[in-house]
N, C-alpha and C. Protein backbone atom coordinates (compact mmCIF):
# COMPACT_ATOMS: atom_id res chain seq x y z
N UNK A 1 20.63 26.40 170.49
CA UNK A 1 19.31 26.85 170.71
C UNK A 1 18.99 25.96 171.88
N UNK A 2 18.41 26.42 173.13
CA UNK A 2 18.46 25.48 174.17
C UNK A 2 16.65 24.47 174.26
N UNK A 3 16.96 23.68 174.29
CA UNK A 3 15.55 22.77 174.33
C UNK A 3 14.83 22.68 175.88
N UNK A 4 13.81 23.32 176.09
CA UNK A 4 13.09 23.34 177.34
C UNK A 4 12.65 22.02 177.31
N UNK A 5 12.58 21.72 178.98
CA UNK A 5 12.18 20.27 179.20
C UNK A 5 11.48 20.75 180.58
N UNK A 6 10.59 20.02 180.97
CA UNK A 6 9.77 20.25 182.31
C UNK A 6 9.27 18.76 182.74
N UNK A 7 9.82 18.45 183.92
CA UNK A 7 9.31 16.87 184.45
C UNK A 7 8.19 16.97 185.50
N UNK A 8 6.83 16.84 184.96
CA UNK A 8 6.17 16.82 186.15
C UNK A 8 6.13 15.95 187.40
N UNK A 9 6.68 14.84 187.04
CA UNK A 9 6.98 13.57 188.06
C UNK A 9 7.92 12.69 187.53
N UNK A 10 8.67 12.33 188.63
CA UNK A 10 9.86 11.19 187.96
C UNK A 10 8.91 9.77 187.63
N UNK A 11 7.65 9.58 188.16
CA UNK A 11 6.72 8.36 188.09
C UNK A 11 6.10 8.67 186.72
N UNK A 12 5.65 9.73 186.19
CA UNK A 12 5.08 10.02 184.98
C UNK A 12 6.00 10.02 183.96
N UNK A 13 7.38 10.40 184.06
CA UNK A 13 8.39 10.54 183.09
C UNK A 13 8.67 8.88 182.91
N UNK A 14 8.54 8.18 184.06
CA UNK A 14 8.94 6.78 183.75
C UNK A 14 8.00 6.05 182.77
N UNK A 15 6.64 6.45 183.25
CA UNK A 15 5.44 5.93 182.32
C UNK A 15 5.49 6.24 180.94
N UNK A 16 5.95 7.48 180.58
CA UNK A 16 6.29 7.85 179.58
C UNK A 16 6.04 8.31 178.28
N UNK A 17 4.98 8.03 177.49
CA UNK A 17 4.64 7.97 176.16
C UNK A 17 4.53 9.65 176.17
N UNK A 18 4.54 10.75 176.75
CA UNK A 18 4.27 11.87 176.63
C UNK A 18 5.80 12.74 176.43
N UNK A 19 6.78 11.62 176.79
CA UNK A 19 8.18 12.34 176.77
C UNK A 19 8.87 11.65 175.66
N UNK A 20 8.24 10.59 174.93
CA UNK A 20 9.22 10.01 173.98
C UNK A 20 10.13 10.61 173.07
N UNK A 21 9.52 11.90 172.30
CA UNK A 21 9.92 12.58 171.75
C UNK A 21 11.30 13.46 172.47
N UNK A 22 11.34 13.27 173.61
CA UNK A 22 12.29 14.17 174.37
C UNK A 22 13.60 13.45 174.17
N UNK A 23 14.72 14.39 173.92
CA UNK A 23 16.19 13.86 174.44
C UNK A 23 16.45 13.73 176.00
N UNK A 24 15.30 13.87 176.73
CA UNK A 24 15.83 13.97 178.02
C UNK A 24 15.34 12.08 178.64
N UNK A 25 15.96 11.60 179.58
CA UNK A 25 15.63 10.46 180.02
C UNK A 25 15.96 10.45 181.42
N UNK A 26 14.91 9.62 182.06
CA UNK A 26 15.33 9.29 183.72
C UNK A 26 15.36 7.98 183.97
N UNK A 27 16.38 7.13 184.54
CA UNK A 27 16.04 6.36 185.59
C UNK A 27 15.94 6.29 187.10
N UNK A 28 15.40 5.71 187.48
CA UNK A 28 15.03 5.68 189.12
C UNK A 28 16.02 4.39 189.77
N UNK A 29 16.72 4.64 190.73
CA UNK A 29 17.37 3.65 191.61
C UNK A 29 16.79 3.63 192.60
N UNK A 30 16.44 2.34 193.23
CA UNK A 30 15.99 2.37 194.55
C UNK A 30 16.71 1.54 195.45
N UNK A 31 17.38 2.07 196.30
CA UNK A 31 18.42 1.26 197.04
C UNK A 31 18.25 1.04 198.55
N UNK A 32 18.76 0.09 199.37
CA UNK A 32 18.71 0.28 200.75
C UNK A 32 19.91 0.38 201.17
N UNK A 33 20.26 0.89 202.60
CA UNK A 33 21.71 1.02 202.87
C UNK A 33 21.59 -0.30 204.10
N UNK A 34 22.94 -1.03 203.77
CA UNK A 34 22.96 -1.86 204.91
C UNK A 34 24.28 -1.67 205.55
N UNK A 35 24.45 -1.79 206.90
CA UNK A 35 25.57 -1.47 207.43
C UNK A 35 26.39 -2.86 207.67
N UNK A 36 27.64 -2.70 207.29
CA UNK A 36 28.67 -3.97 207.18
C UNK A 36 29.67 -3.41 208.19
N UNK A 37 29.93 -4.22 209.15
CA UNK A 37 31.35 -4.40 210.13
C UNK A 37 32.45 -5.11 209.86
N UNK A 38 33.62 -4.52 209.47
CA UNK A 38 34.76 -5.34 209.38
C UNK A 38 35.32 -6.25 210.44
N UNK A 39 36.13 -7.00 210.22
CA UNK A 39 36.88 -7.87 211.50
C UNK A 39 37.40 -6.76 212.27
N UNK A 40 37.96 -5.63 212.24
CA UNK A 40 38.50 -4.77 213.02
C UNK A 40 37.57 -3.97 213.70
N UNK A 41 36.03 -3.81 213.32
CA UNK A 41 35.09 -3.13 214.27
C UNK A 41 34.47 -1.86 213.44
N UNK A 42 35.77 -1.78 212.01
CA UNK A 42 34.84 -0.98 211.56
C UNK A 42 33.67 -0.66 210.75
N UNK A 43 33.24 0.19 210.69
CA UNK A 43 31.71 0.22 209.81
C UNK A 43 31.47 1.04 208.69
N UNK A 44 30.64 0.35 207.62
CA UNK A 44 30.93 1.00 206.01
C UNK A 44 29.40 0.60 205.96
N UNK A 45 28.95 1.71 205.10
CA UNK A 45 27.77 1.71 204.87
C UNK A 45 27.49 1.42 203.16
N UNK A 46 27.18 0.16 202.95
CA UNK A 46 26.90 -0.04 201.49
C UNK A 46 25.46 0.02 200.91
N UNK A 47 25.15 0.29 199.58
CA UNK A 47 23.98 0.17 199.27
C UNK A 47 23.53 -1.15 198.47
N UNK A 48 22.43 -1.49 198.42
CA UNK A 48 22.17 -2.69 197.58
C UNK A 48 20.57 -2.46 197.15
N UNK A 49 20.36 -3.19 196.09
CA UNK A 49 18.92 -3.17 195.38
C UNK A 49 17.81 -3.28 196.70
N UNK A 50 17.09 -2.48 196.66
CA UNK A 50 16.01 -2.72 197.73
C UNK A 50 14.80 -3.58 197.27
N UNK A 51 15.03 -4.96 197.32
CA UNK A 51 14.01 -5.78 196.70
C UNK A 51 13.20 -6.17 197.90
N UNK A 52 13.44 -6.19 199.32
CA UNK A 52 12.93 -6.04 200.39
C UNK A 52 13.26 -5.23 201.57
N UNK A 53 12.14 -4.61 202.16
CA UNK A 53 12.61 -3.36 203.13
C UNK A 53 11.64 -3.80 204.12
N UNK A 54 12.41 -3.75 205.47
CA UNK A 54 11.42 -3.87 206.67
C UNK A 54 11.45 -2.60 207.36
N UNK A 55 10.45 -2.67 208.27
CA UNK A 55 10.63 -1.14 209.33
C UNK A 55 11.96 -0.84 209.97
N UNK A 56 12.72 0.19 209.54
CA UNK A 56 13.41 0.78 209.95
C UNK A 56 14.82 0.80 209.08
N UNK A 57 14.56 0.06 207.96
CA UNK A 57 15.49 0.53 206.65
C UNK A 57 15.29 1.73 206.18
N UNK A 58 16.54 1.79 205.90
CA UNK A 58 17.02 3.45 205.21
C UNK A 58 16.94 3.15 203.43
N UNK A 59 16.35 3.55 203.23
CA UNK A 59 16.22 3.45 201.39
C UNK A 59 16.76 4.79 200.62
N UNK A 60 17.34 4.84 199.63
CA UNK A 60 17.75 5.63 198.65
C UNK A 60 17.01 5.61 197.44
N UNK A 61 16.68 7.13 197.38
CA UNK A 61 15.86 6.98 195.88
C UNK A 61 16.79 7.99 195.11
N UNK A 62 17.37 7.45 194.03
CA UNK A 62 18.09 8.40 193.11
C UNK A 62 17.32 8.26 191.72
N UNK A 63 17.34 9.45 191.40
CA UNK A 63 17.00 9.86 189.70
C UNK A 63 17.91 10.17 188.81
N UNK A 64 18.23 9.52 187.91
CA UNK A 64 19.44 9.87 187.27
C UNK A 64 18.82 10.39 185.72
N UNK A 65 19.23 11.69 185.44
CA UNK A 65 18.49 12.34 183.95
C UNK A 65 19.89 12.47 183.25
N UNK A 66 19.50 12.10 181.99
CA UNK A 66 20.32 12.14 180.94
C UNK A 66 19.91 12.95 179.86
N UNK A 67 20.74 14.17 179.45
CA UNK A 67 20.30 14.70 178.11
C UNK A 67 21.09 13.88 176.81
N UNK A 68 19.73 13.08 176.23
CA UNK A 68 20.54 12.44 175.11
C UNK A 68 20.39 13.40 173.72
N UNK A 69 20.33 14.48 173.90
CA UNK A 69 20.33 15.61 172.95
C UNK A 69 21.62 16.22 172.46
N UNK A 70 21.71 16.99 171.56
CA UNK A 70 23.07 17.95 171.61
C UNK A 70 23.02 19.41 172.21
N UNK A 71 21.63 20.05 172.22
CA UNK A 71 21.41 21.03 172.72
C UNK A 71 21.25 20.82 174.05
N UNK A 72 21.61 21.90 175.15
CA UNK A 72 21.33 22.01 176.69
C UNK A 72 20.15 21.96 176.88
N UNK A 73 19.55 21.52 177.81
CA UNK A 73 17.96 21.52 178.16
C UNK A 73 18.05 22.45 179.33
N UNK A 74 16.99 22.96 179.73
CA UNK A 74 16.76 24.19 180.59
C UNK A 74 15.42 23.80 181.35
N UNK A 75 15.19 24.90 182.41
CA UNK A 75 13.83 24.30 183.04
C UNK A 75 13.93 23.04 183.51
N UNK A 76 14.43 22.21 183.80
CA UNK A 76 14.16 20.84 184.46
C UNK A 76 13.58 21.04 185.77
N UNK A 77 12.57 20.70 185.85
CA UNK A 77 11.94 20.14 187.18
C UNK A 77 11.55 18.75 187.69
N UNK A 78 12.20 18.19 188.62
CA UNK A 78 11.75 16.96 188.82
C UNK A 78 11.23 16.94 190.04
N UNK A 79 9.98 16.15 190.23
CA UNK A 79 8.75 15.98 191.18
C UNK A 79 8.93 14.50 191.73
N UNK A 80 9.31 14.41 192.90
CA UNK A 80 9.02 12.93 193.55
C UNK A 80 8.39 12.55 194.68
N UNK A 81 7.42 11.84 194.88
CA UNK A 81 6.22 11.63 195.81
C UNK A 81 7.47 10.73 197.08
N UNK A 82 7.16 11.05 197.99
CA UNK A 82 7.74 10.04 199.38
C UNK A 82 6.79 8.87 199.35
N UNK A 83 7.42 7.61 199.03
CA UNK A 83 6.33 6.70 198.87
C UNK A 83 5.70 6.52 200.36
N UNK A 84 4.48 5.84 200.37
CA UNK A 84 3.57 5.92 201.73
C UNK A 84 4.52 5.17 202.51
N UNK A 85 4.23 5.24 203.73
CA UNK A 85 4.89 4.58 204.68
C UNK A 85 6.35 4.81 205.11
N UNK A 86 6.73 5.82 204.04
CA UNK A 86 8.25 6.02 204.18
C UNK A 86 8.24 7.67 204.91
N UNK A 87 9.44 7.59 205.58
CA UNK A 87 9.43 9.24 206.35
C UNK A 87 11.15 9.55 205.89
N UNK A 88 10.91 10.58 205.10
CA UNK A 88 11.95 11.42 204.46
C UNK A 88 12.97 11.74 205.78
N UNK A 89 14.37 11.50 205.43
CA UNK A 89 15.28 12.01 206.22
C UNK A 89 15.77 13.22 205.97
N UNK A 90 15.70 14.05 207.11
CA UNK A 90 15.96 15.75 207.12
C UNK A 90 17.14 15.84 206.37
N UNK A 91 17.33 16.84 205.47
CA UNK A 91 18.38 17.38 204.79
C UNK A 91 18.98 16.16 203.79
N UNK A 92 18.20 15.35 203.74
CA UNK A 92 18.97 14.17 202.65
C UNK A 92 18.95 14.24 201.19
N UNK A 93 18.19 15.45 200.68
CA UNK A 93 17.79 15.74 199.40
C UNK A 93 19.11 16.45 198.89
N UNK A 94 19.63 15.76 197.80
CA UNK A 94 20.81 16.13 197.04
C UNK A 94 20.77 17.96 196.37
N UNK A 95 21.63 18.63 196.49
CA UNK A 95 20.85 19.94 196.16
C UNK A 95 21.99 20.40 195.11
N UNK A 96 23.13 19.82 194.51
CA UNK A 96 23.97 20.11 193.75
C UNK A 96 23.18 20.85 192.43
N UNK A 97 23.55 21.93 192.05
CA UNK A 97 23.05 22.69 190.91
C UNK A 97 21.32 22.82 191.41
N UNK A 98 20.81 22.36 192.35
CA UNK A 98 19.31 22.59 192.25
C UNK A 98 18.95 23.39 193.49
N UNK A 99 17.71 23.60 193.45
CA UNK A 99 17.11 24.44 194.33
C UNK A 99 16.06 23.09 194.92
N UNK A 100 16.10 22.88 196.04
CA UNK A 100 15.00 21.92 196.67
C UNK A 100 13.98 22.54 197.56
N UNK A 101 12.75 22.12 197.20
CA UNK A 101 11.67 22.33 197.93
C UNK A 101 10.88 21.19 198.34
N UNK A 102 9.57 21.30 199.43
CA UNK A 102 8.85 20.34 199.52
C UNK A 102 7.62 20.40 199.39
N UNK A 103 6.67 19.53 199.49
CA UNK A 103 5.27 19.68 199.86
C UNK A 103 4.64 18.95 200.92
N UNK A 104 3.75 19.47 201.60
CA UNK A 104 3.15 18.84 202.80
C UNK A 104 1.54 18.45 202.23
N UNK A 105 1.48 19.04 201.06
CA UNK A 105 -0.17 18.66 200.62
C UNK A 105 -0.28 17.87 199.28
N UNK A 106 0.32 16.79 199.47
CA UNK A 106 0.09 15.84 198.34
C UNK A 106 0.89 16.35 196.78
N UNK A 107 1.67 17.42 196.94
CA UNK A 107 2.17 18.01 195.64
C UNK A 107 1.62 18.90 194.99
N UNK A 108 0.53 19.66 195.66
CA UNK A 108 -0.25 20.84 195.21
C UNK A 108 0.48 22.09 195.30
N UNK A 109 1.34 22.34 196.14
CA UNK A 109 2.34 23.24 196.44
C UNK A 109 3.55 22.85 197.30
N UNK A 110 4.46 23.91 196.71
CA UNK A 110 5.89 23.64 197.43
C UNK A 110 6.32 24.85 198.03
N UNK A 111 7.33 24.65 199.13
CA UNK A 111 8.27 25.63 199.76
C UNK A 111 9.37 25.69 200.45
N UNK A 112 10.02 26.16 200.85
CA UNK A 112 11.13 25.85 201.54
C UNK A 112 10.83 24.99 202.78
N UNK A 113 11.60 24.12 203.45
CA UNK A 113 11.16 23.44 204.50
C UNK A 113 10.91 24.27 205.63
N UNK A 114 11.78 25.61 206.00
CA UNK A 114 11.67 26.27 206.96
C UNK A 114 10.56 27.11 207.26
N UNK A 115 9.69 27.13 205.82
CA UNK A 115 8.56 28.13 205.77
C UNK A 115 7.28 27.41 205.75
N UNK A 116 7.46 25.88 205.94
CA UNK A 116 5.94 25.06 205.52
C UNK A 116 5.55 24.81 207.23
N UNK A 117 4.16 24.84 207.28
CA UNK A 117 3.35 24.37 208.36
C UNK A 117 2.48 23.48 208.15
N UNK A 118 1.84 22.90 208.96
CA UNK A 118 0.89 21.73 208.84
C UNK A 118 -0.18 22.17 210.16
N UNK A 119 -1.30 21.38 209.90
CA UNK A 119 -2.31 21.87 211.28
C UNK A 119 -2.59 20.31 211.75
N UNK A 120 -2.02 20.43 213.28
CA UNK A 120 -2.45 19.02 213.99
C UNK A 120 -3.77 18.76 214.02
N UNK A 121 -3.80 17.48 214.82
CA UNK A 121 -4.95 16.97 214.44
C UNK A 121 -6.10 17.84 215.63
N UNK A 122 -5.63 18.53 216.35
CA UNK A 122 -6.33 19.46 217.37
C UNK A 122 -6.40 20.66 216.66
N UNK A 123 -6.17 21.17 215.30
CA UNK A 123 -6.25 22.17 214.40
C UNK A 123 -5.35 23.20 214.82
N UNK A 124 -4.21 22.79 215.59
CA UNK A 124 -3.28 24.12 215.69
C UNK A 124 -2.28 23.85 214.76
N UNK A 125 -1.89 25.18 214.30
CA UNK A 125 -0.81 25.13 213.24
C UNK A 125 0.46 25.15 213.86
N UNK A 126 1.36 24.22 213.18
CA UNK A 126 2.74 24.07 213.62
C UNK A 126 3.72 24.13 212.47
N UNK A 127 5.02 24.41 212.57
CA UNK A 127 6.21 24.14 211.79
C UNK A 127 6.05 22.55 211.02
N UNK A 128 6.07 22.74 209.85
CA UNK A 128 6.34 21.02 209.12
C UNK A 128 7.54 20.66 209.64
N UNK A 129 7.55 19.09 209.83
CA UNK A 129 8.95 18.72 210.08
C UNK A 129 8.93 17.46 209.01
N UNK A 130 10.13 16.85 208.87
CA UNK A 130 10.74 15.89 207.76
C UNK A 130 9.38 14.82 207.44
N UNK A 131 8.96 14.51 208.51
CA UNK A 131 7.79 13.26 208.65
C UNK A 131 6.43 13.85 207.96
N UNK A 132 6.52 15.19 207.94
CA UNK A 132 5.21 15.80 207.20
C UNK A 132 5.25 15.72 205.71
N UNK A 133 6.49 15.88 205.12
CA UNK A 133 6.44 16.11 203.66
C UNK A 133 6.00 15.02 202.66
N UNK A 134 5.25 15.20 201.57
CA UNK A 134 4.49 14.32 200.85
C UNK A 134 5.55 14.03 199.50
N UNK A 135 6.07 15.27 199.23
CA UNK A 135 6.88 15.39 197.95
C UNK A 135 8.03 16.25 197.92
N UNK A 136 9.22 15.92 197.13
CA UNK A 136 10.37 16.80 196.89
C UNK A 136 10.44 17.36 195.20
N UNK A 137 10.74 18.46 195.08
CA UNK A 137 10.61 19.01 194.06
C UNK A 137 12.50 19.66 193.82
N UNK A 138 12.88 18.95 192.92
CA UNK A 138 14.19 19.79 192.56
C UNK A 138 14.09 20.76 191.40
N UNK A 139 14.45 22.12 191.32
CA UNK A 139 14.71 22.59 190.32
C UNK A 139 16.08 22.98 189.80
N UNK A 140 16.43 22.42 188.43
CA UNK A 140 18.03 22.50 188.20
C UNK A 140 18.10 24.28 187.64
N UNK A 141 19.28 24.47 188.65
CA UNK A 141 19.46 26.10 188.46
C UNK A 141 20.34 26.23 187.50
N UNK A 142 20.96 25.30 186.47
CA UNK A 142 21.58 25.48 185.47
C UNK A 142 21.21 24.38 184.41
N UNK A 143 21.27 24.69 183.17
CA UNK A 143 20.78 23.84 182.25
C UNK A 143 21.82 22.67 182.20
N UNK A 144 21.44 21.76 181.58
CA UNK A 144 21.92 19.94 181.49
C UNK A 144 22.24 20.19 180.07
N UNK A 145 23.67 20.15 180.00
CA UNK A 145 24.43 20.07 178.75
C UNK A 145 24.01 19.01 178.00
N UNK A 146 23.78 19.06 176.37
CA UNK A 146 23.78 17.88 175.85
C UNK A 146 24.70 16.89 176.07
N UNK A 147 24.37 15.43 175.92
CA UNK A 147 25.30 14.43 176.30
C UNK A 147 25.69 13.98 177.47
N UNK A 148 25.23 15.00 178.59
CA UNK A 148 25.44 15.02 179.89
C UNK A 148 24.46 14.11 180.90
N UNK A 149 24.59 13.97 182.00
CA UNK A 149 24.07 13.39 183.21
C UNK A 149 23.93 14.17 184.39
N UNK A 150 23.10 14.05 185.14
CA UNK A 150 23.04 14.77 186.45
C UNK A 150 21.88 13.68 187.16
N UNK A 151 22.36 13.45 188.72
CA UNK A 151 21.39 12.76 189.67
C UNK A 151 20.72 13.48 190.79
N UNK A 152 19.67 13.44 191.34
CA UNK A 152 19.16 13.94 192.46
C UNK A 152 18.93 12.58 193.18
N UNK A 153 18.81 12.65 194.58
CA UNK A 153 18.56 11.48 195.48
C UNK A 153 18.10 11.96 196.61
N UNK A 154 17.03 11.17 197.24
CA UNK A 154 16.82 11.78 198.80
C UNK A 154 16.79 10.37 199.43
N UNK A 155 16.94 10.24 200.76
CA UNK A 155 16.88 8.91 201.53
C UNK A 155 15.47 9.25 202.68
N UNK A 156 15.24 7.94 202.70
CA UNK A 156 13.62 7.78 203.82
C UNK A 156 13.99 6.61 204.45
N UNK A 157 13.29 6.32 205.73
CA UNK A 157 13.24 5.45 206.22
C UNK A 157 11.50 4.73 206.51
N UNK A 158 11.72 3.49 206.20
CA UNK A 158 10.41 2.65 206.31
C UNK A 158 9.85 2.62 207.63
N UNK A 159 8.77 3.16 207.78
CA UNK A 159 8.08 3.51 209.22
C UNK A 159 7.63 1.92 209.82
């Protein structure tokens, strides 16, 4: 038998008493990218814990899901807010076995990036850009088998 699971928000799951009986768990990893140059001029991007972040830093938010039960879990939805002062980096949300949609209205509704619109300060409608997104939603398109894990992530820059 498959066990249904629905995550309203990564933050809510972490807060978690409502999910205490669930075999599902999620951990959040927040890292910043640092560029390291070697002696030959080569460039490598490393990730380190994001203990301090300054404007212009790229931060990676990773949500690691694990099904600690025996039965597959399905209908898994992860919703993550894009933190204040952070600008989502276009096309950076991982999409392995997920359908990714975005919100421009604080998570009230979600849609495909190409179909979202916002109203400018002058009252004109325009296509939404990556900087307009407030939340990201991942819908798992396949069940998560018992005893397995999967991760979703996105990148953003501190403005």
